[in-house]
Amino acid sequence: MANTAIEIPFYVAKDGEPLTGAAAEMNFEHLLTLDGTDKSGSAPPISEIGGGWYKFSTAYGTAPFDAGDLVGVIDADKDGNNSLANAERYIPVEVRLDFYGLMRHVYKISQDKTTGDMEIKDAGGNTILKLDITDGSSEVERAPAVAD
């Protein structure tokens, strides 16, 4: 089982009012890892939630979220059909592994006593993120992994 996707919401307004029905006009202007690797080619689709709110989803371990945290800019009016001002048109977004860490406050976490590996589970008991533990001579390293 792959890691559970996280949804990243963002808001778009036109002249101070919620912009609705515009998901088809949106795409990622840029989507980069923190070291500058371009992940725009595997950018996820954008869908509408309602009331000016939109979202995209991605899961750690799958493109584009397969090489660490991401930063990007969404162009909310790629063809100019909505006549958005630049301040409304370009929406900065980020996807961070610690977004999963926030789930630790509301979801169950279990740890294997033998290996130290940890799993964050949703309310149904399904693994949504796995952390593999490596015990070295001078440190213990917790690295995110793709859930089985």
C-alpha atoms as a PDB file:
ATOM      1  CA  MET A   1       0.000   0.000   0.000  1.00  0.00           C
ATOM      2  CA  ALA A   2       1.391   3.403  -0.952  1.00  0.00           C
ATOM      3  CA  ASN A   3       1.434   6.338   1.416  1.00  0.00           C
ATOM      4  CA  THR A   4      -1.903   8.118   1.674  1.00  0.00           C
ATOM      5  CA  ALA A   5      -2.222  11.250  -0.444  1.00  0.00           C
ATOM      6  CA  ILE A   6      -2.411  14.571   1.310  1.00  0.00           C
ATOM      7  CA  GLU A   7      -4.612  17.313  -0.061  1.00  0.00           C
ATOM      8  CA  ILE A   8      -3.210  20.825  -0.362  1.00  0.00           C
ATOM      9  CA  PRO A   9      -5.957  23.488  -0.462  1.00  0.00           C
ATOM     10  CA  PHE A  10      -5.566  27.049  -1.725  1.00  0.00           C
ATOM     11  CA  TYR A  11      -7.901  29.994  -2.269  1.00  0.00           C
ATOM     12  CA  VAL A  12      -8.358  32.148  -5.378  1.00  0.00           C
ATOM     13  CA  ALA A  13     -10.237  35.451  -5.536  1.00  0.00           C
ATOM     14  CA  LYS A  14     -11.133  37.828  -8.354  1.00  0.00           C
ATOM     15  CA  ASP A  15     -11.578  41.436  -7.278  1.00  0.00           C
ATOM     16  CA  GLY A  16     -12.011  40.258  -3.680  1.00  0.00           C
ATOM     17  CA  GLU A  17     -14.733  37.709  -4.497  1.00  0.00           C
ATOM     18  CA  PRO A  18     -14.296  33.913  -4.617  1.00  0.00           C
ATOM     19  CA  LEU A  19     -13.332  32.675  -8.080  1.00  0.00           C
ATOM     20  CA  THR A  20     -15.430  29.613  -8.940  1.00  0.00           C
ATOM     21  CA  GLY A  21     -15.543  27.214 -11.860  1.00  0.00           C
ATOM     22  CA  ALA A  22     -11.955  27.908 -12.878  1.00  0.00           C
ATOM     23  CA  ALA A  23     -10.068  24.635 -12.222  1.00  0.00           C
ATOM     24  CA  ALA A  24      -9.568  24.078 -15.961  1.00  0.00           C
ATOM     25  CA  GLU A  25      -7.788  27.442 -16.149  1.00  0.00           C
ATOM     26  CA  MET A  26      -5.198  26.455 -13.523  1.00  0.00           C
ATOM     27  CA  ASN A  27      -1.842  24.755 -13.789  1.00  0.00           C
ATOM     28  CA  PHE A  28       1.535  24.779 -12.101  1.00  0.00           C
ATOM     29  CA  GLU A  29       3.758  27.576 -13.366  1.00  0.00           C
ATOM     30  CA  HIS A  30       6.601  25.991 -11.381  1.00  0.00           C
ATOM     31  CA  LEU A  31       6.941  22.954  -9.119  1.00  0.00           C
ATOM     32  CA  LEU A  32      10.408  22.393  -7.684  1.00  0.00           C
ATOM     33  CA  THR A  33      12.179  20.414  -4.999  1.00  0.00           C
ATOM     34  CA  LEU A  34      14.089  22.509  -2.469  1.00  0.00           C
ATOM     35  CA  ASP A  35      17.326  21.784  -4.359  1.00  0.00           C
ATOM     36  CA  GLY A  36      15.783  23.248  -7.535  1.00  0.00           C
ATOM     37  CA  THR A  37      14.889  20.040  -9.392  1.00  0.00           C
ATOM     38  CA  ASP A  38      11.980  20.753 -11.722  1.00  0.00           C
ATOM     39  CA  LYS A  39       9.001  18.470 -10.972  1.00  0.00           C
ATOM     40  CA  SER A  40       6.507  20.422 -13.119  1.00  0.00           C
ATOM     41  CA  GLY A  41       6.229  17.541 -15.583  1.00  0.00           C
ATOM     42  CA  SER A  42       4.601  15.376 -12.918  1.00  0.00           C
ATOM     43  CA  ALA A  43       2.486  18.107 -11.312  1.00  0.00           C
ATOM     44  CA  PRO A  44      -0.863  16.807 -10.009  1.00  0.00           C
ATOM     45  CA  PRO A  45      -4.205  17.972 -11.405  1.00  0.00           C
ATOM     46  CA  ILE A  46      -6.096  20.765  -9.678  1.00  0.00           C
ATOM     47  CA  SER A  47      -9.754  20.407  -8.716  1.00  0.00           C
ATOM     48  CA  GLU A  48     -12.360  22.707  -7.211  1.00  0.00           C
ATOM     49  CA  ILE A  49     -13.611  22.369  -3.647  1.00  0.00           C
ATOM     50  CA  GLY A  50     -16.055  25.294  -3.820  1.00  0.00           C
ATOM     51  CA  GLY A  51     -16.410  28.904  -2.710  1.00  0.00           C
ATOM     52  CA  GLY A  52     -13.098  29.921  -4.288  1.00  0.00           C
ATOM     53  CA  TRP A  53     -11.210  26.981  -2.766  1.00  0.00           C
ATOM     54  CA  TYR A  54      -9.243  24.552  -4.936  1.00  0.00           C
ATOM     55  CA  LYS A  55      -6.912  21.659  -4.142  1.00  0.00           C
ATOM     56  CA  PHE A  56      -4.376  19.204  -5.455  1.00  0.00           C
ATOM     57  CA  SER A  57      -3.283  15.888  -3.964  1.00  0.00           C
ATOM     58  CA  THR A  58       0.043  14.100  -3.755  1.00  0.00           C
ATOM     59  CA  ALA A  59       1.547  11.256  -1.743  1.00  0.00           C
ATOM     60  CA  TYR A  60       5.073  10.984  -0.421  1.00  0.00           C
ATOM     61  CA  GLY A  61       7.043   8.452  -2.450  1.00  0.00           C
ATOM     62  CA  THR A  62       5.194   9.134  -5.723  1.00  0.00           C
ATOM     63  CA  ALA A  63       6.017  11.769  -8.326  1.00  0.00           C
ATOM     64  CA  PRO A  64       6.238  14.656  -7.905  1.00  0.00           C
ATOM     65  CA  PHE A  65       6.632  14.165  -4.113  1.00  0.00           C
ATOM     66  CA  ASP A  66       9.329  11.518  -4.481  1.00  0.00           C
ATOM     67  CA  ALA A  67      12.432  13.590  -3.827  1.00  0.00           C
ATOM     68  CA  GLY A  68      11.644  15.684  -0.758  1.00  0.00           C
ATOM     69  CA  ASP A  69       9.702  18.839  -0.026  1.00  0.00           C
ATOM     70  CA  LEU A  70       8.219  20.877  -2.874  1.00  0.00           C
ATOM     71  CA  VAL A  71       7.580  24.551  -3.555  1.00  0.00           C
ATOM     72  CA  GLY A  72       5.618  25.876  -6.465  1.00  0.00           C
ATOM     73  CA  VAL A  73       3.500  28.540  -8.036  1.00  0.00           C
ATOM     74  CA  ILE A  74       0.050  27.879  -9.449  1.00  0.00           C
ATOM     75  CA  ASP A  75      -1.069  30.040 -12.347  1.00  0.00           C
ATOM     76  CA  ALA A  76      -4.784  30.434 -11.600  1.00  0.00           C
ATOM     77  CA  ASP A  77      -5.484  31.980 -15.014  1.00  0.00           C
ATOM     78  CA  LYS A  78      -3.141  30.229 -17.462  1.00  0.00           C
ATOM     79  CA  ASP A  79      -4.966  31.424 -20.586  1.00  0.00           C
ATOM     80  CA  GLY A  80      -5.975  34.831 -19.201  1.00  0.00           C
ATOM     81  CA  ASN A  81      -9.693  34.069 -19.560  1.00  0.00           C
ATOM     82  CA  ASN A  82     -10.524  35.202 -16.005  1.00  0.00           C
ATOM     83  CA  SER A  83      -8.622  38.510 -16.256  1.00  0.00           C
ATOM     84  CA  LEU A  84      -7.023  38.074 -12.825  1.00  0.00           C
ATOM     85  CA  ALA A  85      -4.571  40.652 -11.507  1.00  0.00           C
ATOM     86  CA  ASN A  86      -1.075  39.228 -10.967  1.00  0.00           C
ATOM     87  CA  ALA A  87      -1.551  39.321  -7.181  1.00  0.00           C
ATOM     88  CA  GLU A  88      -4.607  37.078  -7.586  1.00  0.00           C
ATOM     89  CA  ARG A  89      -3.296  34.973 -10.452  1.00  0.00           C
ATOM     90  CA  TYR A  90      -0.077  33.488  -9.043  1.00  0.00           C
ATOM     91  CA  ILE A  91      -0.574  31.350  -5.922  1.00  0.00           C
ATOM     92  CA  PRO A  92       2.506  30.118  -4.012  1.00  0.00           C
ATOM     93  CA  VAL A  93       2.162  26.594  -2.598  1.00  0.00           C
ATOM     94  CA  GLU A  94       4.325  24.155  -0.689  1.00  0.00           C
ATOM     95  CA  VAL A  95       4.211  20.440   0.044  1.00  0.00           C
ATOM     96  CA  ARG A  96       6.280  19.311   3.015  1.00  0.00           C
ATOM     97  CA  LEU A  97       6.905  15.955   4.556  1.00  0.00           C
ATOM     98  CA  ASP A  98       6.110  17.443   7.958  1.00  0.00           C
ATOM     99  CA  PHE A  99       2.492  17.851   6.779  1.00  0.00           C
ATOM    100  CA  TYR A 100       2.301  14.117   7.513  1.00  0.00           C
ATOM    101  CA  GLY A 101       3.845  14.839  10.928  1.00  0.00           C
ATOM    102  CA  LEU A 102       0.869  17.058  11.721  1.00  0.00           C
ATOM    103  CA  MET A 103      -1.268  13.947  11.335  1.00  0.00           C
ATOM    104  CA  ARG A 104       0.522  12.466  14.355  1.00  0.00           C
ATOM    105  CA  HIS A 105      -1.584  14.758  16.505  1.00  0.00           C
ATOM    106  CA  VAL A 106      -4.845  13.258  15.295  1.00  0.00           C
ATOM    107  CA  TYR A 107      -3.935   9.774  14.054  1.00  0.00           C
ATOM    108  CA  LYS A 108      -2.596   6.661  15.726  1.00  0.00           C
ATOM    109  CA  ILE A 109       1.126   5.954  15.486  1.00  0.00           C
ATOM    110  CA  SER A 110       2.662   2.542  16.103  1.00  0.00           C
ATOM    111  CA  GLN A 111       6.280   1.500  16.484  1.00  0.00           C
ATOM    112  CA  ASP A 112       7.803  -1.936  15.920  1.00  0.00           C
ATOM    113  CA  LYS A 113       9.699  -2.841  19.122  1.00  0.00           C
ATOM    114  CA  THR A 114      12.223  -4.931  17.213  1.00  0.00           C
ATOM    115  CA  THR A 115      13.173  -2.631  14.333  1.00  0.00           C
ATOM    116  CA  GLY A 116      11.937   0.727  15.633  1.00  0.00           C
ATOM    117  CA  ASP A 117      10.046   1.336  12.383  1.00  0.00           C
ATOM    118  CA  MET A 118       7.058   3.633  12.858  1.00  0.00           C
ATOM    119  CA  GLU A 119       3.728   3.861  11.052  1.00  0.00           C
ATOM    120  CA  ILE A 120       1.135   6.605  11.158  1.00  0.00           C
ATOM    121  CA  LYS A 121      -2.342   5.095  10.706  1.00  0.00           C
ATOM    122  CA  ASP A 122      -5.671   6.643   9.844  1.00  0.00           C
ATOM    123  CA  ALA A 123      -8.875   6.133  11.848  1.00  0.00           C
ATOM    124  CA  GLY A 124      -9.497   2.860   9.964  1.00  0.00           C
ATOM    125  CA  GLY A 125      -6.094   1.450  10.921  1.00  0.00           C
ATOM    126  CA  ASN A 126      -4.618   1.855   7.431  1.00  0.00           C
ATOM    127  CA  THR A 127      -0.966   2.921   7.220  1.00  0.00           C
ATOM    128  CA  ILE A 128      -0.702   6.401   5.746  1.00  0.00           C
ATOM    129  CA  LEU A 129       3.049   6.942   6.279  1.00  0.00           C
ATOM    130  CA  LYS A 130       5.881   4.635   7.256  1.00  0.00           C
ATOM    131  CA  LEU A 131       9.154   5.751   8.859  1.00  0.00           C
ATOM    132  CA  ASP A 132      12.000   3.254   8.575  1.00  0.00           C
ATOM    133  CA  ILE A 133      14.481   3.404  11.458  1.00  0.00           C
ATOM    134  CA  THR A 134      18.196   2.814  10.893  1.00  0.00           C
ATOM    135  CA  ASP A 135      20.369   2.376  13.973  1.00  0.00           C
ATOM    136  CA  GLY A 136      23.967   3.402  13.312  1.00  0.00           C
ATOM    137  CA  SER A 137      26.932   3.401  15.647  1.00  0.00           C
ATOM    138  CA  SER A 138      26.435   7.049  16.578  1.00  0.00           C
ATOM    139  CA  GLU A 139      22.874   7.935  15.614  1.00  0.00           C
ATOM    140  CA  VAL A 140      19.370   6.732  14.966  1.00  0.00           C
ATOM    141  CA  GLU A 141      17.987   7.908  11.641  1.00  0.00           C
ATOM    142  CA  ARG A 142      14.284   8.157  10.889  1.00  0.00           C
ATOM    143  CA  ALA A 143      13.690   8.204   7.135  1.00  0.00           C
ATOM    144  CA  PRO A 144      10.311   8.310   5.404  1.00  0.00           C
ATOM    145  CA  ALA A 145       9.511   5.295   3.284  1.00  0.00           C
ATOM    146  CA  VAL A 146       6.735   4.125   1.042  1.00  0.00           C
ATOM    147  CA  ALA A 147       4.171   2.176   3.055  1.00  0.00           C
ATOM    148  CA  ASP A 148       3.798  -1.468   2.045  1.00  0.00           C
END
